[in-house]
Amino acid sequence: MANLAVAILFASLAAVATAQKAPTPAAEMPAYQGSYPSYASPPVAEMPAYQGSYPSHIGSPAASPSYTFAAAVPAPSPPSMAAPSPKPSTSAERRRLRVGFYRRSCPRAEKIVREAVRNATSTNPGLGAGIIRMHFHDCFVQGCDASVLLDPTAANPQPEKLSPPNFPSLRGFEVIDAAKEALEKVCPGKVSCADIVAFAARDASFFLSRARINFRMPAGRLDGRVSLSSEALDFLPPPFFNLSQLVDNFRAKNLDEDDLVVLSGAHTIGVSHCSSFTNRLPPNPSHMNPAFATLLQSKCPVSPNITNDPTVVQDIVTPNRLDTRYYTNVLKRNVLFTSDAALLSSRRTARKVVENALIPRRWERKFARAMVKMAAIELKTAANGEIRKMCRVVNN
């Protein structure tokens, strides 16, 4: 099946490359006004496509950068006005969520969250990756209700954040705390923690993409009161899932196969613990690029454990940039997880990988739509939700 998928990929290249040549309308470009600092490049109409052809074994092209860890690069300032966002997934959710929800009750809400994210990612881009992952992990368990933020208590010693998929790898909690503290000073009791997480994920996407992913996030979520470690294990897809399991997992949350492939692109940023992928390293069988496997073996112990489980960047070329490099890595078999490699196991998903790799602007728009769609999963109501005073504890 893997060889068949690769054959399909290369058969698709000519058609996809033709689509790539279409110019990007100016209206779809980020609305950032003003000059970019010297360390940041302004958005361009299209990122470079593949240079040359890949060999049959999907090895590295001759021009590929060496295996080095890139330095952190600060991101440019966001625009004051973003492009219109896609709508949430159901009619009921559209009635509840809307762009500009806090326009009257807390006009500075989104700017305050954005500033907290900017401050964090300018010094540590990895926190931006953590916030995007936090949003995903929040929405897939109990819906988008900030349940992942709740600390353990005597009544609930095992909340989501202590579940193996989240602990100790999930990060960015301090960024949400900083935003909430600033908001409570200006608009006490107005802005939910669930909306803060959604705004922060949107802003992290903007900063880490160098302003290329730019969209409005509808708001109006309430915070949940339930957070269980066991549910994180039940609903979050582990890195060893195959394609069928991934599709079923996403479908259960009203996300389709295209959403799965598009959102997987976030694996171009952040880090992963060695224990998440050592099952794919020699002598275990896998289709991983041998040179990449050798690199990972030099970074990871043979048997990672709780006291010795280093992290490696998920994308060795642009680890702090949210771009389409992930899809290039999938094609070259330079990805960490079984779930990443699984995207080449069917005709449909393999074709989507190629398209996303070759047409970055299309992927960026689709990523924005998928983020908004995900942000509307299983919303809380007044009967089972609230606006927390502190994001780490329920009210009273």
Protein backbone atom coordinates (compact mmCIF):
# COMPACT_ATOMS: atom_id res chain seq x y z
CA MET A 1 0.00 0.00 0.00
CA ALA A 2 2.82 2.40 0.81
CA ASN A 3 4.40 1.87 -2.63
CA LEU A 4 1.02 2.34 -4.27
CA ALA A 5 0.50 5.59 -2.38
CA VAL A 6 3.90 6.89 -3.47
CA ALA A 7 3.09 6.07 -7.09
CA ILE A 8 -0.17 7.95 -6.78
CA LEU A 9 1.62 10.92 -5.28
CA PHE A 10 3.97 11.34 -8.18
CA ALA A 11 1.18 10.79 -10.69
CA SER A 12 -0.61 13.71 -9.01
CA LEU A 13 2.30 16.15 -9.12
CA ALA A 14 1.69 17.51 -12.61
CA ALA A 15 -1.96 18.32 -12.00
CA VAL A 16 -1.27 19.86 -8.63
CA ALA A 17 1.66 21.89 -9.90
CA THR A 18 -0.62 23.39 -12.55
CA ALA A 19 -3.00 24.52 -9.82
CA GLN A 20 -0.11 26.07 -7.97
CA LYS A 21 0.55 28.53 -10.77
CA ALA A 22 -2.70 30.39 -10.21
CA PRO A 23 -1.99 33.77 -8.60
CA THR A 24 -3.19 34.40 -5.08
CA PRO A 25 -5.84 37.16 -4.93
CA ALA A 26 -4.68 40.17 -3.01
CA ALA A 27 -7.75 40.04 -0.80
CA GLU A 28 -6.59 36.74 0.63
CA MET A 29 -3.31 38.12 1.90
CA PRO A 30 -2.90 39.04 5.59
CA ALA A 31 -4.11 42.55 6.37
CA TYR A 32 -1.01 43.55 8.29
CA GLN A 33 -0.28 47.24 7.79
CA GLY A 34 3.16 48.77 8.29
CA SER A 35 6.71 47.53 7.96
CA TYR A 36 8.13 44.24 9.11
CA PRO A 37 11.16 44.20 11.39
CA SER A 38 14.47 43.17 9.92
CA TYR A 39 14.31 39.67 11.36
CA ALA A 40 10.96 38.85 9.76
CA SER A 41 10.03 38.51 6.12
CA PRO A 42 6.69 39.95 5.00
CA PRO A 43 4.09 37.60 3.56
CA VAL A 44 4.51 36.80 -0.10
CA ALA A 45 2.04 35.59 -2.67
CA GLU A 46 3.31 32.02 -2.54
CA MET A 47 5.97 30.07 -0.72
CA PRO A 48 8.47 28.13 -2.84
CA ALA A 49 7.29 24.77 -4.12
CA TYR A 50 9.44 21.68 -4.40
CA GLN A 51 12.74 22.27 -6.14
CA GLY A 52 13.53 19.32 -8.35
CA SER A 53 12.16 15.81 -8.08
CA TYR A 54 12.41 13.30 -5.29
CA PRO A 55 14.12 9.97 -5.91
CA SER A 56 12.04 6.83 -5.86
CA HIS A 57 12.88 6.06 -2.24
CA ILE A 58 11.64 9.53 -1.17
CA GLY A 59 15.03 10.52 0.15
CA SER A 60 16.22 14.04 0.80
CA PRO A 61 16.67 16.29 -2.25
CA ALA A 62 20.22 17.41 -2.91
CA ALA A 63 19.34 20.93 -1.84
CA SER A 64 17.84 19.93 1.49
CA PRO A 65 19.22 21.66 4.58
CA SER A 66 21.33 19.59 6.92
CA TYR A 67 19.87 18.13 10.08
CA THR A 68 20.25 21.08 12.39
CA PHE A 69 18.03 22.69 14.94
CA ALA A 70 16.98 26.14 13.77
CA ALA A 71 17.22 29.13 16.08
CA ALA A 72 14.06 30.72 17.41
CA VAL A 73 12.88 33.67 15.35
CA PRO A 74 10.47 36.28 16.73
CA ALA A 75 7.25 36.85 14.83
CA PRO A 76 5.87 40.08 13.38
CA SER A 77 3.04 42.06 14.91
CA PRO A 78 -0.48 40.91 14.00
CA PRO A 79 -2.91 42.99 12.01
CA SER A 80 -5.68 44.90 13.71
CA MET A 81 -8.22 43.39 11.31
CA ALA A 82 -8.10 39.79 10.12
CA ALA A 83 -9.67 38.16 7.14
CA PRO A 84 -13.25 36.88 7.60
CA SER A 85 -13.35 33.53 9.33
CA PRO A 86 -15.26 30.43 8.32
CA LYS A 87 -18.38 29.67 10.28
CA PRO A 88 -18.67 27.02 13.01
CA SER A 89 -19.93 23.61 12.08
CA THR A 90 -23.63 23.51 13.04
CA SER A 91 -26.52 25.94 13.04
CA ALA A 92 -26.85 25.79 16.83
CA GLU A 93 -23.18 26.56 17.26
CA ARG A 94 -23.38 29.45 14.77
CA ARG A 95 -26.10 31.02 16.93
CA ARG A 96 -23.93 30.79 20.02
CA LEU A 97 -20.55 31.79 18.63
CA ARG A 98 -19.90 35.01 16.76
CA VAL A 99 -16.99 37.16 15.71
CA GLY A 100 -16.67 40.22 17.93
CA PHE A 101 -18.52 38.59 20.81
CA TYR A 102 -16.77 40.85 23.35
CA ARG A 103 -17.06 44.05 21.31
CA ARG A 104 -19.29 45.66 23.95
CA SER A 105 -18.65 43.72 27.14
CA CYS A 106 -14.83 43.76 26.88
CA PRO A 107 -13.63 45.61 23.76
CA ARG A 108 -9.95 44.95 24.43
CA ALA A 109 -10.35 41.23 25.09
CA GLU A 110 -8.74 39.90 21.93
CA LYS A 111 -5.94 42.48 22.00
CA ILE A 112 -5.08 41.52 25.58
CA VAL A 113 -4.88 37.83 24.70
CA ARG A 114 -2.85 38.62 21.59
CA GLU A 115 -0.36 40.61 23.63
CA ALA A 116 0.10 37.73 26.08
CA VAL A 117 0.76 35.35 23.19
CA ARG A 118 3.09 37.80 21.49
CA ASN A 119 5.14 38.23 24.66
CA ALA A 120 5.42 34.48 25.14
CA THR A 121 6.23 33.46 21.57
CA SER A 122 8.74 36.24 20.98
CA THR A 123 11.03 34.69 23.59
CA ASN A 124 9.94 31.04 23.29
CA PRO A 125 8.20 30.03 20.04
CA GLY A 126 7.67 26.58 21.51
CA LEU A 127 4.97 28.03 23.73
CA GLY A 128 3.02 28.94 20.61
CA ALA A 129 3.17 25.33 19.46
CA GLY A 130 2.05 24.27 22.92
CA ILE A 131 -0.96 26.60 22.83
CA ILE A 132 -2.13 25.28 19.46
CA ARG A 133 -1.81 21.74 20.80
CA MET A 134 -3.61 22.78 24.00
CA HIS A 135 -6.56 24.02 21.96
CA PHE A 136 -6.77 20.69 20.13
CA HIS A 137 -6.49 18.69 23.36
CA ASP A 138 -9.11 20.88 25.03
CA CYS A 139 -11.68 20.60 22.26
CA PHE A 140 -11.38 16.83 21.80
CA VAL A 141 -12.16 16.17 25.48
CA GLN A 142 -15.42 17.56 26.88
CA GLY A 143 -15.55 20.03 23.99
CA CYS A 144 -13.93 23.48 23.81
CA ASP A 145 -14.51 24.34 27.46
CA ALA A 146 -11.06 24.92 29.01
CA SER A 147 -11.39 21.68 30.99
CA VAL A 148 -7.74 20.94 30.15
CA LEU A 149 -6.72 23.93 32.30
CA LEU A 150 -8.20 22.66 35.57
CA ASP A 151 -5.75 21.76 38.34
CA PRO A 152 -6.11 18.67 40.54
CA THR A 153 -8.16 19.05 43.70
CA ALA A 154 -9.04 16.83 46.64
CA ALA A 155 -12.36 16.08 44.94
CA ASN A 156 -10.73 15.46 41.55
CA PRO A 157 -7.08 14.44 41.91
CA GLN A 158 -6.79 13.32 38.26
CA PRO A 159 -7.96 16.01 35.82
CA GLU A 160 -7.20 16.05 32.09
CA LYS A 161 -3.94 17.93 32.45
CA LEU A 162 -2.43 15.03 34.43
CA SER A 163 -3.41 12.40 31.85
CA PRO A 164 -0.49 10.80 29.94
CA PRO A 165 -1.37 12.56 26.65
CA ASN A 166 -1.00 15.90 28.46
CA PHE A 167 1.48 15.41 31.27
CA PRO A 168 4.23 16.43 31.27
CA SER A 169 4.26 17.43 27.59
CA LEU A 170 1.44 19.99 27.38
CA ARG A 171 2.67 23.55 27.86
CA GLY A 172 1.51 27.13 27.63
CA PHE A 173 -0.65 27.21 30.76
CA GLU A 174 1.20 30.26 32.06
CA VAL A 175 0.33 32.19 28.90
CA ILE A 176 -3.38 31.56 29.44
CA ASP A 177 -2.99 32.54 33.11
CA ALA A 178 -1.32 35.82 32.13
CA ALA A 179 -4.07 36.66 29.66
CA LYS A 180 -6.82 35.83 32.17
CA GLU A 181 -5.18 37.89 34.92
CA ALA A 182 -4.93 40.90 32.60
CA LEU A 183 -8.53 40.48 31.46
CA GLU A 184 -9.90 40.22 34.99
CA LYS A 185 -8.34 43.60 35.80
CA VAL A 186 -10.11 45.25 32.88
CA CYS A 187 -13.30 43.19 32.44
CA PRO A 188 -13.88 41.04 35.54
CA GLY A 189 -16.06 38.01 34.96
CA LYS A 190 -16.63 38.67 31.26
CA VAL A 191 -14.22 36.55 29.21
CA SER A 192 -14.27 32.77 29.46
CA CYS A 193 -11.10 30.73 29.68
CA ALA A 194 -12.35 28.63 26.77
CA ASP A 195 -12.43 31.73 24.57
CA ILE A 196 -8.97 32.74 25.79
CA VAL A 197 -7.60 29.36 24.67
CA ALA A 198 -9.30 29.70 21.27
CA PHE A 199 -8.03 33.26 20.77
CA ALA A 200 -4.55 32.27 21.90
CA ALA A 201 -4.42 29.35 19.44
CA ARG A 202 -5.49 31.70 16.65
CA ASP A 203 -2.80 34.23 17.63
CA ALA A 204 -0.12 31.56 17.98
CA SER A 205 -0.97 30.39 14.46
CA PHE A 206 -0.56 33.96 13.22
CA PHE A 207 2.79 34.56 14.89
CA LEU A 208 4.32 31.18 14.04
CA SER A 209 3.23 31.43 10.39
CA ARG A 210 4.78 34.89 10.07
CA ALA A 211 1.34 36.43 9.52
CA ARG A 212 0.35 34.05 6.73
CA ILE A 213 -2.40 32.30 8.74
CA ASN A 214 -4.73 35.13 9.67
CA PHE A 215 -8.37 34.67 10.60
CA ARG A 216 -11.10 35.75 12.98
CA MET A 217 -12.14 33.43 15.78
CA PRO A 218 -15.81 33.41 16.79
CA ALA A 219 -16.36 33.52 20.55
CA GLY A 220 -19.03 32.97 23.17
CA ARG A 221 -17.87 29.70 24.75
CA LEU A 222 -18.44 28.83 28.39
CA ASP A 223 -16.04 27.03 30.72
CA GLY A 224 -16.75 23.48 31.79
CA ARG A 225 -16.80 22.10 35.32
CA VAL A 226 -15.75 18.50 34.54
CA SER A 227 -12.20 17.37 33.81
CA LEU A 228 -11.22 13.70 33.91
CA SER A 229 -7.88 12.13 33.11
CA SER A 230 -9.57 9.00 31.77
CA GLU A 231 -11.43 10.97 29.11
CA ALA A 232 -8.21 12.37 27.69
CA LEU A 233 -7.09 8.77 27.15
CA ASP A 234 -10.43 7.93 25.56
CA PHE A 235 -10.67 10.80 23.08
CA LEU A 236 -7.19 12.07 22.18
CA PRO A 237 -5.61 10.21 19.25
CA PRO A 238 -2.27 8.63 20.24
CA PRO A 239 0.76 8.83 17.94
CA PHE A 240 0.52 5.13 17.05
CA PHE A 241 -2.96 5.32 15.46
CA ASN A 242 -3.36 4.10 11.89
CA LEU A 243 -5.34 6.05 9.30
CA SER A 244 -8.64 4.27 9.88
CA GLN A 245 -8.42 4.94 13.61
CA LEU A 246 -7.55 8.59 13.01
CA VAL A 247 -10.47 9.10 10.63
CA ASP A 248 -12.89 7.52 13.11
CA ASN A 249 -11.46 9.63 15.94
CA PHE A 250 -11.94 12.87 14.01
CA ARG A 251 -15.34 11.88 12.64
CA ALA A 252 -16.57 11.43 16.21
CA LYS A 253 -15.87 15.15 16.69
CA ASN A 254 -17.61 16.20 13.45
CA LEU A 255 -14.28 16.65 11.66
CA ASP A 256 -13.70 15.02 8.29
CA GLU A 257 -10.74 13.45 6.53
CA ASP A 258 -9.63 16.77 5.06
CA ASP A 259 -9.68 18.38 8.52
CA LEU A 260 -7.51 15.51 9.74
CA VAL A 261 -4.86 16.03 7.07
CA VAL A 262 -4.96 19.82 7.35
CA LEU A 263 -4.72 19.96 11.14
CA SER A 264 -1.94 17.36 11.12
CA GLY A 265 0.13 20.10 9.51
CA ALA A 266 0.57 21.59 12.97
CA HIS A 267 3.14 18.83 13.50
CA THR A 268 5.57 21.09 11.70
CA ILE A 269 6.09 22.97 14.99
CA GLY A 270 6.85 21.97 18.54
CA VAL A 271 8.69 19.03 20.02
CA SER A 272 7.97 15.41 20.84
CA HIS A 273 9.24 13.07 23.51
CA CYS A 274 11.30 10.17 22.22
CA SER A 275 8.89 7.69 23.80
CA SER A 276 6.26 8.76 21.25
CA PHE A 277 8.17 7.41 18.26
CA THR A 278 10.95 5.00 19.31
CA ASN A 279 8.66 2.17 18.20
CA ARG A 280 9.53 3.29 14.64
CA LEU A 281 13.31 3.31 15.09
CA PRO A 282 15.59 0.37 14.18
CA PRO A 283 15.59 -2.49 14.79
CA ASN A 284 11.80 -2.06 14.71
CA PRO A 285 10.33 -2.17 11.19
CA SER A 286 9.05 1.09 9.70
CA HIS A 287 9.15 3.08 6.48
CA MET A 288 11.08 5.95 8.07
CA ASN A 289 13.89 7.50 6.02
CA PRO A 290 17.02 5.64 7.24
CA ALA A 291 19.07 8.84 7.53
CA PHE A 292 16.34 10.45 9.62
CA ALA A 293 16.07 7.34 11.80
CA THR A 294 19.82 7.44 12.41
CA LEU A 295 19.58 11.08 13.46
CA LEU A 296 16.79 10.30 15.91
CA GLN A 297 18.72 7.38 17.36
CA SER A 298 21.53 9.80 18.17
CA LYS A 299 19.07 11.96 20.11
CA CYS A 300 17.04 9.33 21.94
CA PRO A 301 17.82 6.53 24.39
CA VAL A 302 17.01 3.00 23.30
CA SER A 303 14.33 2.67 25.97
CA PRO A 304 12.97 6.07 27.07
CA ASN A 305 11.38 6.22 30.49
CA ILE A 306 9.87 8.79 32.81
CA THR A 307 13.30 9.94 34.01
CA ASN A 308 15.04 9.81 30.63
CA ASP A 309 12.76 10.87 27.79
CA PRO A 310 14.35 13.70 25.77
CA THR A 311 12.48 15.81 23.25
CA VAL A 312 13.30 16.45 19.61
CA VAL A 313 11.80 18.99 17.23
CA GLN A 314 9.08 17.66 14.95
CA ASP A 315 10.45 19.50 11.92
CA ILE A 316 14.24 19.65 11.72
CA VAL A 317 14.24 22.30 8.99
CA THR A 318 11.84 25.03 10.23
CA PRO A 319 10.92 23.89 13.75
CA ASN A 320 9.49 27.24 14.86
CA ARG A 321 7.53 28.07 11.72
CA LEU A 322 3.97 26.97 11.01
CA ASP A 323 4.27 26.12 7.32
CA THR A 324 3.75 23.29 4.86
CA ARG A 325 7.14 21.71 5.54
CA TYR A 326 5.30 18.97 7.43
CA TYR A 327 3.85 17.64 4.18
CA THR A 328 7.27 17.65 2.54
CA ASN A 329 8.50 15.67 5.52
CA VAL A 330 5.66 13.16 5.13
CA LEU A 331 6.60 12.64 1.48
CA LYS A 332 10.27 12.21 2.37
CA ARG A 333 9.33 9.93 5.30
CA ASN A 334 10.98 12.31 7.75
CA VAL A 335 8.13 12.28 10.27
CA LEU A 336 8.11 11.01 13.82
CA PHE A 337 4.77 9.34 14.44
CA THR A 338 3.01 6.32 13.03
CA SER A 339 -0.02 8.59 12.67
CA ASP A 340 1.98 10.99 10.48
CA ALA A 341 3.27 8.25 8.20
CA ALA A 342 -0.27 6.86 7.97
CA LEU A 343 -1.30 9.78 5.76
CA LEU A 344 0.38 7.99 2.83
CA SER A 345 -1.64 4.82 3.35
CA SER A 346 -4.62 5.79 1.19
CA ARG A 347 -5.09 7.40 -2.21
CA ARG A 348 -7.24 10.23 -0.85
CA THR A 349 -5.03 11.31 2.02
CA ALA A 350 -1.83 10.86 0.02
CA ARG A 351 -3.20 13.18 -2.65
CA LYS A 352 -4.09 15.75 0.02
CA VAL A 353 -0.54 15.58 1.36
CA VAL A 354 0.84 16.41 -2.08
CA GLU A 355 -1.62 19.25 -2.61
CA ASN A 356 -0.86 20.80 0.76
CA ALA A 357 2.87 20.54 0.14
CA LEU A 358 2.64 22.19 -3.27
CA ILE A 359 0.03 24.88 -2.61
CA PRO A 360 0.86 26.56 0.72
CA ARG A 361 -1.70 29.36 0.43
CA ARG A 362 -4.52 26.85 0.01
CA TRP A 363 -3.36 24.92 3.06
CA GLU A 364 -3.15 28.12 5.12
CA ARG A 365 -6.77 28.99 4.30
CA LYS A 366 -7.89 25.43 5.02
CA PHE A 367 -5.98 25.41 8.30
CA ALA A 368 -7.82 28.57 9.38
CA ARG A 369 -11.19 27.02 8.51
CA ALA A 370 -10.35 23.78 10.32
CA MET A 371 -9.24 25.65 13.44
CA VAL A 372 -12.56 27.51 13.60
CA LYS A 373 -14.49 24.33 12.93
CA MET A 374 -12.64 22.51 15.69
CA ALA A 375 -13.22 25.44 18.05
CA ALA A 376 -16.97 24.80 17.92
CA ILE A 377 -16.89 21.21 19.19
CA GLU A 378 -19.42 20.33 21.92
CA LEU A 379 -20.03 23.77 23.38
CA LYS A 380 -21.21 24.15 26.94
CA THR A 381 -24.52 25.85 27.78
CA ALA A 382 -25.62 27.91 30.78
CA ALA A 383 -26.78 24.66 32.38
CA ASN A 384 -23.32 23.09 32.45
CA GLY A 385 -20.95 26.00 31.89
CA GLU A 386 -19.69 29.16 33.52
CA ILE A 387 -17.13 31.94 33.17
CA ARG A 388 -14.36 31.06 35.59
CA LYS A 389 -12.71 33.71 37.72
CA MET A 390 -9.46 31.74 37.51
CA CYS A 391 -8.77 29.34 34.68
CA ARG A 392 -7.25 26.65 36.89
CA VAL A 393 -10.26 26.19 39.20
CA VAL A 394 -14.02 26.09 38.84
CA ASN A 395 -16.03 28.80 40.55
CA ASN A 396 -16.91 27.96 44.17
